[in-house]
C-alpha atoms as a PDB file:
ATOM      1  CA  MET A   1     120.206 111.938 110.958  1.00  0.00           C
ATOM      2  CA  GLU A   2     117.407 113.126 108.653  1.00  0.00           C
ATOM      3  CA  LYS A   3     119.877 113.502 105.792  1.00  0.00           C
ATOM      4  CA  LEU A   4     121.130 109.941 106.343  1.00  0.00           C
ATOM      5  CA  MET A   5     117.536 108.759 106.064  1.00  0.00           C
ATOM      6  CA  LEU A   6     117.522 110.075 102.495  1.00  0.00           C
ATOM      7  CA  LEU A   7     120.528 108.023 101.344  1.00  0.00           C
ATOM      8  CA  PRO A   8     118.547 104.785 100.852  1.00  0.00           C
ATOM      9  CA  VAL A   9     115.841 106.848  99.139  1.00  0.00           C
ATOM     10  CA  PHE A  10     118.396 108.192  96.662  1.00  0.00           C
ATOM     11  CA  ALA A  11     119.670 104.631  96.165  1.00  0.00           C
ATOM     12  CA  GLN A  12     116.108 103.498  95.368  1.00  0.00           C
ATOM     13  CA  VAL A  13     115.686 106.345  92.869  1.00  0.00           C
ATOM     14  CA  LEU A  14     118.989 105.351  91.262  1.00  0.00           C
ATOM     15  CA  LEU A  15     117.872 101.720  91.024  1.00  0.00           C
ATOM     16  CA  THR A  16     114.593 102.702  89.387  1.00  0.00           C
ATOM     17  CA  SER A  17     116.438 104.937  86.923  1.00  0.00           C
ATOM     18  CA  VAL A  18     118.972 102.251  86.012  1.00  0.00           C
ATOM     19  CA  VAL A  19     116.233  99.667  85.462  1.00  0.00           C
ATOM     20  CA  MET A  20     114.394 102.182  83.259  1.00  0.00           C
ATOM     21  CA  ILE A  21     117.497 102.636  81.099  1.00  0.00           C
ATOM     22  CA  ILE A  22     118.089  98.876  80.838  1.00  0.00           C
ATOM     23  CA  MET A  23     114.418  98.363  79.974  1.00  0.00           C
ATOM     24  CA  GLY A  24     114.570 101.015  77.272  1.00  0.00           C
ATOM     25  CA  ARG A  25     117.679  99.521  75.720  1.00  0.00           C
ATOM     26  CA  ARG A  26     116.204  96.032  75.729  1.00  0.00           C
ATOM     27  CA  ARG A  27     112.950  97.236  74.188  1.00  0.00           C
ATOM     28  CA  ILE A  28     114.752  99.207  71.488  1.00  0.00           C
ATOM     29  CA  GLN A  29     116.909  96.183  70.661  1.00  0.00           C
ATOM     30  CA  ALA A  30     113.815  93.965  70.501  1.00  0.00           C
ATOM     31  CA  ALA A  31     112.148  96.412  68.103  1.00  0.00           C
ATOM     32  CA  LYS A  32     115.283  96.681  65.946  1.00  0.00           C
ATOM     33  CA  THR A  33     115.493  92.904  65.594  1.00  0.00           C
ATOM     34  CA  LYS A  34     111.729  92.733  64.888  1.00  0.00           C
ATOM     35  CA  GLU A  35     111.225  90.596  68.000  1.00  0.00           C
ATOM     36  CA  ILE A  36     108.326  92.930  68.697  1.00  0.00           C
ATOM     37  CA  SER A  37     106.698  95.435  66.378  1.00  0.00           C
ATOM     38  CA  MET A  38     106.700  99.162  66.943  1.00  0.00           C
ATOM     39  CA  SER A  39     102.912  99.071  67.142  1.00  0.00           C
ATOM     40  CA  ALA A  40     103.241  96.846  70.226  1.00  0.00           C
ATOM     41  CA  PHE A  41     104.400  99.920  72.113  1.00  0.00           C
ATOM     42  CA  ARG A  42     101.012 101.601  71.655  1.00  0.00           C
ATOM     43  CA  THR A  43      99.448  99.287  74.224  1.00  0.00           C
ATOM     44  CA  MET A  44     102.653  97.785  75.627  1.00  0.00           C
ATOM     45  CA  ASP A  45     101.612  94.383  74.366  1.00  0.00           C
ATOM     46  CA  LEU A  46     104.910  92.557  74.729  1.00  0.00           C
ATOM     47  CA  THR A  47     103.538  89.271  73.424  1.00  0.00           C
ATOM     48  CA  GLY A  48     106.356  87.548  71.604  1.00  0.00           C
ATOM     49  CA  ALA A  49     109.055  89.525  73.399  1.00  0.00           C
ATOM     50  CA  SER A  50     111.906  87.655  75.025  1.00  0.00           C
ATOM     51  CA  GLU A  51     111.877  86.752  78.698  1.00  0.00           C
ATOM     52  CA  GLN A  52     114.617  89.349  79.189  1.00  0.00           C
ATOM     53  CA  VAL A  53     112.460  92.174  77.777  1.00  0.00           C
ATOM     54  CA  ILE A  54     109.379  91.125  79.733  1.00  0.00           C
ATOM     55  CA  ALA A  55     111.255  90.551  83.018  1.00  0.00           C
ATOM     56  CA  THR A  56     112.916  93.953  82.809  1.00  0.00           C
ATOM     57  CA  SER A  57     109.566  95.629  82.113  1.00  0.00           C
ATOM     58  CA  ARG A  58     107.996  93.800  85.061  1.00  0.00           C
ATOM     59  CA  ASN A  59     110.902  94.763  87.275  1.00  0.00           C
ATOM     60  CA  PHE A  60     110.486  98.422  86.345  1.00  0.00           C
ATOM     61  CA  ASP A  61     106.798  98.152  87.294  1.00  0.00           C
ATOM     62  CA  ASN A  62     107.858  96.523  90.575  1.00  0.00           C
ATOM     63  CA  GLN A  63     109.878  99.633  91.453  1.00  0.00           C
ATOM     64  CA  PHE A  64     106.562 101.481  91.880  1.00  0.00           C
ATOM     65  CA  GLN A  65     104.951  98.951  94.190  1.00  0.00           C
ATOM     66  CA  MET A  66     106.592  97.942  97.491  1.00  0.00           C
ATOM     67  CA  PRO A  67     109.201 100.725  97.267  1.00  0.00           C
ATOM     68  CA  MET A  68     106.369 103.278  97.352  1.00  0.00           C
ATOM     69  CA  LEU A  69     105.343 101.938 100.750  1.00  0.00           C
ATOM     70  CA  TYR A  70     108.946 102.391 101.875  1.00  0.00           C
ATOM     71  CA  LEU A  71     108.993 105.969 100.579  1.00  0.00           C
ATOM     72  CA  PHE A  72     105.807 106.747 102.493  1.00  0.00           C
ATOM     73  CA  SER A  73     107.391 105.379 105.670  1.00  0.00           C
ATOM     74  CA  VAL A  74     110.335 107.740 105.158  1.00  0.00           C
ATOM     75  CA  LEU A  75     107.979 110.692 104.790  1.00  0.00           C
ATOM     76  CA  PHE A  76     106.149 109.744 107.984  1.00  0.00           C
ATOM     77  CA  CYS A  77     109.413 109.302 109.891  1.00  0.00           C
ATOM     78  CA  LEU A  78     110.576 112.719 108.748  1.00  0.00           C
ATOM     79  CA  GLN A  79     107.210 114.373 109.430  1.00  0.00           C
ATOM     80  CA  PHE A  80     106.894 113.003 112.959  1.00  0.00           C
ATOM     81  CA  GLY A  81     110.555 113.389 113.914  1.00  0.00           C
ATOM     82  CA  LEU A  82     111.079 109.658 114.353  1.00  0.00           C
ATOM     83  CA  VAL A  83     114.234 109.334 112.273  1.00  0.00           C
ATOM     84  CA  ASP A  84     116.985 107.399 114.006  1.00  0.00           C
ATOM     85  CA  LEU A  85     119.846 105.088 113.071  1.00  0.00           C
ATOM     86  CA  THR A  86     117.601 102.032 113.298  1.00  0.00           C
ATOM     87  CA  PHE A  87     115.257 103.397 110.611  1.00  0.00           C
ATOM     88  CA  VAL A  88     118.248 104.316 108.446  1.00  0.00           C
ATOM     89  CA  ILE A  89     119.646 100.798 108.737  1.00  0.00           C
ATOM     90  CA  MET A  90     116.259  99.192 108.142  1.00  0.00           C
ATOM     91  CA  GLY A  91     115.725 101.341 105.052  1.00  0.00           C
ATOM     92  CA  THR A  92     119.189 100.483 103.780  1.00  0.00           C
ATOM     93  CA  VAL A  93     118.455  96.781 104.219  1.00  0.00           C
ATOM     94  CA  PHE A  94     115.151  97.128 102.355  1.00  0.00           C
ATOM     95  CA  VAL A  95     116.751  98.975  99.437  1.00  0.00           C
ATOM     96  CA  ALA A  96     119.707  96.552  99.332  1.00  0.00           C
ATOM     97  CA  LEU A  97     117.200  93.709  99.044  1.00  0.00           C
ATOM     98  CA  ARG A  98     115.481  95.577  96.206  1.00  0.00           C
ATOM     99  CA  TYR A  99     118.851  95.751  94.396  1.00  0.00           C
ATOM    100  CA  TRP A 100     119.388  92.021  94.945  1.00  0.00           C
ATOM    101  CA  HIS A 101     115.861  91.278  93.726  1.00  0.00           C
ATOM    102  CA  THR A 102     116.478  93.347  90.595  1.00  0.00           C
ATOM    103  CA  VAL A 103     119.797  91.648  89.827  1.00  0.00           C
ATOM    104  CA  VAL A 104     118.098  88.260  90.053  1.00  0.00           C
ATOM    105  CA  HIS A 105     114.956  89.357  88.193  1.00  0.00           C
ATOM    106  CA  ILE A 106     116.658  90.915  85.168  1.00  0.00           C
ATOM    107  CA  GLY A 107     119.619  88.542  85.292  1.00  0.00           C
ATOM    108  CA  SER A 108     119.258  84.818  85.886  1.00  0.00           C
ATOM    109  CA  ASN A 109     115.569  85.191  86.815  1.00  0.00           C
ATOM    110  CA  ASN A 110     115.836  82.260  89.212  1.00  0.00           C
ATOM    111  CA  VAL A 111     112.227  82.284  90.429  1.00  0.00           C
ATOM    112  CA  ARG A 112     112.853  80.564  93.780  1.00  0.00           C
ATOM    113  CA  LEU A 113     115.703  82.884  94.709  1.00  0.00           C
ATOM    114  CA  ARG A 114     113.801  85.918  93.445  1.00  0.00           C
ATOM    115  CA  PHE A 115     110.756  84.985  95.537  1.00  0.00           C
ATOM    116  CA  ARG A 116     112.867  84.462  98.669  1.00  0.00           C
ATOM    117  CA  VAL A 117     114.593  87.814  98.216  1.00  0.00           C
ATOM    118  CA  PHE A 118     111.211  89.444  97.586  1.00  0.00           C
ATOM    119  CA  LEU A 119     109.849  87.978 100.828  1.00  0.00           C
ATOM    120  CA  LEU A 120     112.898  89.192 102.755  1.00  0.00           C
ATOM    121  CA  GLY A 121     112.290  92.664 101.343  1.00  0.00           C
ATOM    122  CA  CYS A 122     108.643  92.463 102.397  1.00  0.00           C
ATOM    123  CA  LEU A 123     109.696  91.394 105.872  1.00  0.00           C
ATOM    124  CA  ALA A 124     112.113  94.336 106.121  1.00  0.00           C
ATOM    125  CA  LEU A 125     109.352  96.693 104.997  1.00  0.00           C
ATOM    126  CA  TRP A 126     106.823  95.237 107.437  1.00  0.00           C
ATOM    127  CA  LEU A 127     109.319  95.668 110.274  1.00  0.00           C
ATOM    128  CA  ILE A 128     109.792  99.302 109.292  1.00  0.00           C
ATOM    129  CA  TRP A 129     106.039  99.878 109.364  1.00  0.00           C
ATOM    130  CA  ILE A 130     105.531  97.994 112.636  1.00  0.00           C
ATOM    131  CA  ARG A 131     108.277 100.071 114.274  1.00  0.00           C
ATOM    132  CA  LEU A 132     106.797 103.247 112.833  1.00  0.00           C
ATOM    133  CA  LEU A 133     103.368 102.333 114.154  1.00  0.00           C
ATOM    134  CA  VAL A 134     104.718 101.561 117.630  1.00  0.00           C
ATOM    135  CA  LEU A 135     106.815 104.725 117.861  1.00  0.00           C
ATOM    136  CA  ALA A 136     104.081 106.958 116.471  1.00  0.00           C
ATOM    137  CA  PHE A 137     101.608 105.871 119.127  1.00  0.00           C
ATOM    138  CA  ILE A 138     103.802 105.604 122.233  1.00  0.00           C
END
């Protein structure tokens, strides 16, 4: 079961890597078309960059926020021997919601939908942590 617990983790790493590649391509294209200057990369001042470039950069940053809390929960589950199918499913749901959030964020960037998906992801993460807390102290 411990190995299954790592599958959503690998999926999250893949998502972060794919977003990084998309971000890099979009930034390079923006620099080539002079949408942003090369000197902007010194301080990552993306003023003047398209919404697509900025949203992808923000999404990449997002991959190191709530997902880190998920990764810590996985470590705790593994450390304390609490891994079970429920945690695997909950982790899969969280990561699937992160994929959905990313598709919306770097695609249509529909703010209402993106916010709703973000909140669902937060709810999934909170449920993971509540369950971890309960099981760790029973």
